[in-house]
């Protein structure tokens, strides 16, 4: 993909939520831009906007492997699968706060890996913190074709603080 094709995503704004602290490299990279748009949509609770970040045939693994969100560990496929994941994993959360501490994206590639932490607050006031690595791959149109989040549910649940 050429930089000219990427411009449509940058001019639309990448981070559009105050719930994202980006303390990492931030150059014009298509996968990095897509990750920022994804975080912004999640922080705003906007499923429709979130789906525009992902290709129609995207695969999302969050977390990678078997989990309470994906018992077979095969990932969530296409917009229908992503929407089902949203209802299970994102919709029940009252607020998300993202802190990205590093981001790796080689020039000319279509992939980035972000290192960070997500703090989730539940409607009852309890909250958890998840340390993770998120890998985004984008297609020629700049939309995410694959997202893999590496984190351990047991470690996240160990941070549960009651509200």
C-alpha atoms as a PDB file:
ATOM      1  CA  UNK A   1       0.000   0.000   0.000  1.00  0.00           C
ATOM      2  CA  UNK A   2       1.282   3.441  -0.841  1.00  0.00           C
ATOM      3  CA  UNK A   3       1.272   6.390   1.575  1.00  0.00           C
ATOM      4  CA  UNK A   4      -1.190   8.185  -0.730  1.00  0.00           C
ATOM      5  CA  UNK A   5      -3.804   5.497   0.018  1.00  0.00           C
ATOM      6  CA  UNK A   6      -3.213   5.859   3.764  1.00  0.00           C
ATOM      7  CA  UNK A   7      -4.067   9.549   3.872  1.00  0.00           C
ATOM      8  CA  UNK A   8      -7.816   8.992   4.038  1.00  0.00           C
ATOM      9  CA  UNK A   9      -7.379   7.371   7.452  1.00  0.00           C
ATOM     10  CA  UNK A  10      -5.081  10.033   8.892  1.00  0.00           C
ATOM     11  CA  UNK A  11      -7.169  13.013   7.877  1.00  0.00           C
ATOM     12  CA  UNK A  12     -10.219  11.483   9.556  1.00  0.00           C
ATOM     13  CA  UNK A  13      -8.363  11.564  12.889  1.00  0.00           C
ATOM     14  CA  UNK A  14      -6.931   8.544  14.615  1.00  0.00           C
ATOM     15  CA  UNK A  15      -7.371   9.092  18.337  1.00  0.00           C
ATOM     16  CA  UNK A  16     -10.774  10.600  18.974  1.00  0.00           C
ATOM     17  CA  UNK A  17     -11.193   9.786  22.659  1.00  0.00           C
ATOM     18  CA  UNK A  18      -9.670  11.189  25.844  1.00  0.00           C
ATOM     19  CA  UNK A  19      -9.618   7.622  27.221  1.00  0.00           C
ATOM     20  CA  UNK A  20      -6.450   6.834  25.234  1.00  0.00           C
ATOM     21  CA  UNK A  21      -2.970   7.729  26.456  1.00  0.00           C
ATOM     22  CA  UNK A  22      -0.556   7.197  23.554  1.00  0.00           C
ATOM     23  CA  UNK A  23       2.999   7.224  24.951  1.00  0.00           C
ATOM     24  CA  UNK A  24       4.609   5.437  22.021  1.00  0.00           C
ATOM     25  CA  UNK A  25       6.003   6.162  18.548  1.00  0.00           C
ATOM     26  CA  UNK A  26       3.321   7.788  16.435  1.00  0.00           C
ATOM     27  CA  UNK A  27       4.361   8.097  12.812  1.00  0.00           C
ATOM     28  CA  UNK A  28       2.222   7.689   9.707  1.00  0.00           C
ATOM     29  CA  UNK A  29       1.796   3.926   9.631  1.00  0.00           C
ATOM     30  CA  UNK A  30      -1.463   2.327   8.408  1.00  0.00           C
ATOM     31  CA  UNK A  31      -1.646  -0.449  11.022  1.00  0.00           C
ATOM     32  CA  UNK A  32      -0.867   1.977  13.847  1.00  0.00           C
ATOM     33  CA  UNK A  33      -3.583   4.330  12.575  1.00  0.00           C
ATOM     34  CA  UNK A  34      -6.090   1.479  12.416  1.00  0.00           C
ATOM     35  CA  UNK A  35      -5.247   0.417  15.978  1.00  0.00           C
ATOM     36  CA  UNK A  36      -5.807   3.968  17.206  1.00  0.00           C
ATOM     37  CA  UNK A  37      -9.152   4.162  15.423  1.00  0.00           C
ATOM     38  CA  UNK A  38     -10.144   0.828  16.968  1.00  0.00           C
ATOM     39  CA  UNK A  39      -9.265   1.981  20.505  1.00  0.00           C
ATOM     40  CA  UNK A  40     -11.165   5.223  19.986  1.00  0.00           C
ATOM     41  CA  UNK A  41     -14.326   3.439  18.858  1.00  0.00           C
ATOM     42  CA  UNK A  42     -14.161   1.023  21.816  1.00  0.00           C
ATOM     43  CA  UNK A  43     -13.610   3.861  24.294  1.00  0.00           C
ATOM     44  CA  UNK A  44     -16.669   5.654  22.871  1.00  0.00           C
ATOM     45  CA  UNK A  45     -18.764   2.476  22.862  1.00  0.00           C
ATOM     46  CA  UNK A  46     -19.451   2.846  19.138  1.00  0.00           C
ATOM     47  CA  UNK A  47     -19.867  -0.570  17.502  1.00  0.00           C
ATOM     48  CA  UNK A  48     -20.707   0.871  14.070  1.00  0.00           C
ATOM     49  CA  UNK A  49     -17.531   2.975  14.026  1.00  0.00           C
ATOM     50  CA  UNK A  50     -15.472   0.029  15.298  1.00  0.00           C
ATOM     51  CA  UNK A  51     -16.685  -2.213  12.476  1.00  0.00           C
ATOM     52  CA  UNK A  52     -15.573   0.356   9.875  1.00  0.00           C
ATOM     53  CA  UNK A  53     -11.989  -0.199  11.072  1.00  0.00           C
ATOM     54  CA  UNK A  54     -12.174  -3.929  10.223  1.00  0.00           C
ATOM     55  CA  UNK A  55     -12.328  -5.652   6.837  1.00  0.00           C
ATOM     56  CA  UNK A  56     -15.465  -7.690   6.111  1.00  0.00           C
ATOM     57  CA  UNK A  57     -13.455 -10.920   6.496  1.00  0.00           C
ATOM     58  CA  UNK A  58     -11.311  -9.833   9.459  1.00  0.00           C
ATOM     59  CA  UNK A  59     -10.290 -12.278  12.183  1.00  0.00           C
ATOM     60  CA  UNK A  60     -10.009 -11.085  15.775  1.00  0.00           C
ATOM     61  CA  UNK A  61      -8.347 -13.162  18.507  1.00  0.00           C
ATOM     62  CA  UNK A  62      -8.720 -11.442  21.886  1.00  0.00           C
ATOM     63  CA  UNK A  63      -7.138 -13.113  23.714  1.00  0.00           C
ATOM     64  CA  UNK A  64      -5.261 -15.508  21.425  1.00  0.00           C
ATOM     65  CA  UNK A  65      -6.272 -19.090  22.199  1.00  0.00           C
ATOM     66  CA  UNK A  66      -9.192 -20.536  24.117  1.00  0.00           C
ATOM     67  CA  UNK A  67     -10.962 -18.141  26.453  1.00  0.00           C
ATOM     68  CA  UNK A  68     -14.301 -17.218  27.960  1.00  0.00           C
ATOM     69  CA  UNK A  69     -14.918 -15.179  24.779  1.00  0.00           C
ATOM     70  CA  UNK A  70     -13.804 -17.903  22.346  1.00  0.00           C
ATOM     71  CA  UNK A  71     -14.051 -21.417  23.868  1.00  0.00           C
ATOM     72  CA  UNK A  72     -12.670 -23.095  20.720  1.00  0.00           C
ATOM     73  CA  UNK A  73      -9.815 -20.606  20.327  1.00  0.00           C
ATOM     74  CA  UNK A  74     -10.432 -20.046  16.617  1.00  0.00           C
ATOM     75  CA  UNK A  75     -11.041 -16.315  16.652  1.00  0.00           C
ATOM     76  CA  UNK A  76     -14.048 -14.200  15.743  1.00  0.00           C
ATOM     77  CA  UNK A  77     -14.547 -14.006  11.977  1.00  0.00           C
ATOM     78  CA  UNK A  78     -16.150 -11.328   9.846  1.00  0.00           C
ATOM     79  CA  UNK A  79     -18.374  -8.498  10.996  1.00  0.00           C
ATOM     80  CA  UNK A  80     -20.946 -10.930  12.425  1.00  0.00           C
ATOM     81  CA  UNK A  81     -18.274 -12.586  14.569  1.00  0.00           C
ATOM     82  CA  UNK A  82     -16.819  -9.244  15.631  1.00  0.00           C
ATOM     83  CA  UNK A  83     -20.293  -7.982  16.566  1.00  0.00           C
ATOM     84  CA  UNK A  84     -20.875 -11.085  18.701  1.00  0.00           C
ATOM     85  CA  UNK A  85     -17.498 -10.506  20.394  1.00  0.00           C
ATOM     86  CA  UNK A  86     -18.493  -6.882  21.039  1.00  0.00           C
ATOM     87  CA  UNK A  87     -21.684  -8.001  22.788  1.00  0.00           C
ATOM     88  CA  UNK A  88     -19.770 -10.475  25.008  1.00  0.00           C
ATOM     89  CA  UNK A  89     -16.596  -8.571  25.787  1.00  0.00           C
ATOM     90  CA  UNK A  90     -17.052  -4.854  25.148  1.00  0.00           C
ATOM     91  CA  UNK A  91     -20.724  -3.901  25.610  1.00  0.00           C
ATOM     92  CA  UNK A  92     -20.883  -4.974  29.305  1.00  0.00           C
ATOM     93  CA  UNK A  93     -18.007  -2.643  30.246  1.00  0.00           C
ATOM     94  CA  UNK A  94     -18.883   0.828  31.578  1.00  0.00           C
ATOM     95  CA  UNK A  95     -15.579   2.474  30.615  1.00  0.00           C
ATOM     96  CA  UNK A  96     -12.278   1.615  28.948  1.00  0.00           C
ATOM     97  CA  UNK A  97      -8.980   3.437  29.446  1.00  0.00           C
ATOM     98  CA  UNK A  98      -6.126   2.582  27.089  1.00  0.00           C
ATOM     99  CA  UNK A  99      -2.470   3.291  27.808  1.00  0.00           C
ATOM    100  CA  UNK A 100      -0.112   2.409  24.964  1.00  0.00           C
ATOM    101  CA  UNK A 101       3.510   2.444  26.128  1.00  0.00           C
ATOM    102  CA  UNK A 102       5.234   1.248  22.960  1.00  0.00           C
ATOM    103  CA  UNK A 103       4.420   0.501  19.337  1.00  0.00           C
ATOM    104  CA  UNK A 104       6.512  -1.341  16.762  1.00  0.00           C
ATOM    105  CA  UNK A 105       5.814  -0.878  13.053  1.00  0.00           C
ATOM    106  CA  UNK A 106       8.469  -1.183  10.371  1.00  0.00           C
ATOM    107  CA  UNK A 107       8.172   1.297   7.499  1.00  0.00           C
ATOM    108  CA  UNK A 108       6.629  -0.293   4.436  1.00  0.00           C
ATOM    109  CA  UNK A 109       4.986  -3.085   6.416  1.00  0.00           C
ATOM    110  CA  UNK A 110       1.297  -3.648   7.048  1.00  0.00           C
ATOM    111  CA  UNK A 111       1.660  -4.716  10.702  1.00  0.00           C
ATOM    112  CA  UNK A 112       2.181  -3.098  14.075  1.00  0.00           C
ATOM    113  CA  UNK A 113       2.490  -4.461  17.598  1.00  0.00           C
ATOM    114  CA  UNK A 114       1.345  -2.246  20.449  1.00  0.00           C
ATOM    115  CA  UNK A 115       2.358  -2.807  24.063  1.00  0.00           C
ATOM    116  CA  UNK A 116       0.009  -1.446  26.656  1.00  0.00           C
ATOM    117  CA  UNK A 117      -2.525  -1.683  29.397  1.00  0.00           C
ATOM    118  CA  UNK A 118      -6.305  -1.506  29.359  1.00  0.00           C
ATOM    119  CA  UNK A 119      -8.244  -0.556  32.467  1.00  0.00           C
ATOM    120  CA  UNK A 120     -11.882  -1.646  32.360  1.00  0.00           C
ATOM    121  CA  UNK A 121     -14.531  -0.419  34.765  1.00  0.00           C
ATOM    122  CA  UNK A 122     -17.770  -2.317  35.239  1.00  0.00           C
ATOM    123  CA  UNK A 123     -21.209  -0.794  35.958  1.00  0.00           C
ATOM    124  CA  UNK A 124     -20.948  -1.829  39.644  1.00  0.00           C
ATOM    125  CA  UNK A 125     -17.740   0.221  40.029  1.00  0.00           C
ATOM    126  CA  UNK A 126     -15.340  -2.729  40.066  1.00  0.00           C
ATOM    127  CA  UNK A 127     -12.422  -2.671  37.655  1.00  0.00           C
ATOM    128  CA  UNK A 128      -9.590  -4.732  36.176  1.00  0.00           C
ATOM    129  CA  UNK A 129      -6.303  -3.967  34.465  1.00  0.00           C
ATOM    130  CA  UNK A 130      -4.999  -5.988  31.537  1.00  0.00           C
ATOM    131  CA  UNK A 131      -1.368  -5.839  30.418  1.00  0.00           C
ATOM    132  CA  UNK A 132      -1.120  -6.981  26.818  1.00  0.00           C
ATOM    133  CA  UNK A 133       0.423  -6.905  23.375  1.00  0.00           C
ATOM    134  CA  UNK A 134      -1.905  -6.238  20.434  1.00  0.00           C
ATOM    135  CA  UNK A 135      -0.855  -7.070  16.874  1.00  0.00           C
ATOM    136  CA  UNK A 136      -2.713  -5.450  13.973  1.00  0.00           C
ATOM    137  CA  UNK A 137      -2.423  -6.381  10.296  1.00  0.00           C
ATOM    138  CA  UNK A 138      -4.115  -4.213   7.663  1.00  0.00           C
ATOM    139  CA  UNK A 139      -4.980  -4.758   4.019  1.00  0.00           C
ATOM    140  CA  UNK A 140      -4.325  -2.431   1.106  1.00  0.00           C
ATOM    141  CA  UNK A 141      -7.354  -0.327   2.070  1.00  0.00           C
ATOM    142  CA  UNK A 142      -5.995   0.283   5.596  1.00  0.00           C
ATOM    143  CA  UNK A 143      -8.677  -1.812   7.294  1.00  0.00           C
ATOM    144  CA  UNK A 144      -7.720  -4.461   9.844  1.00  0.00           C
ATOM    145  CA  UNK A 145      -7.617  -8.006   8.457  1.00  0.00           C
ATOM    146  CA  UNK A 146      -6.209  -9.592  11.625  1.00  0.00           C
ATOM    147  CA  UNK A 147      -5.972  -8.503  15.243  1.00  0.00           C
ATOM    148  CA  UNK A 148      -4.365 -10.688  17.887  1.00  0.00           C
ATOM    149  CA  UNK A 149      -4.283  -9.641  21.528  1.00  0.00           C
ATOM    150  CA  UNK A 150      -1.851 -11.496  23.768  1.00  0.00           C
ATOM    151  CA  UNK A 151      -2.945 -11.424  27.405  1.00  0.00           C
ATOM    152  CA  UNK A 152      -3.798 -13.863  30.167  1.00  0.00           C
ATOM    153  CA  UNK A 153      -7.334 -13.771  31.617  1.00  0.00           C
ATOM    154  CA  UNK A 154      -6.135 -15.160  34.961  1.00  0.00           C
ATOM    155  CA  UNK A 155      -3.666 -12.285  35.365  1.00  0.00           C
ATOM    156  CA  UNK A 156      -6.390  -9.775  34.518  1.00  0.00           C
ATOM    157  CA  UNK A 157      -8.827 -11.310  37.005  1.00  0.00           C
ATOM    158  CA  UNK A 158      -6.135 -11.166  39.702  1.00  0.00           C
ATOM    159  CA  UNK A 159      -6.328  -7.351  39.400  1.00  0.00           C
ATOM    160  CA  UNK A 160     -10.101  -7.225  40.039  1.00  0.00           C
ATOM    161  CA  UNK A 161     -10.919  -4.523  42.544  1.00  0.00           C
ATOM    162  CA  UNK A 162     -14.476  -4.355  43.830  1.00  0.00           C
ATOM    163  CA  UNK A 163     -16.295  -1.044  43.488  1.00  0.00           C
END
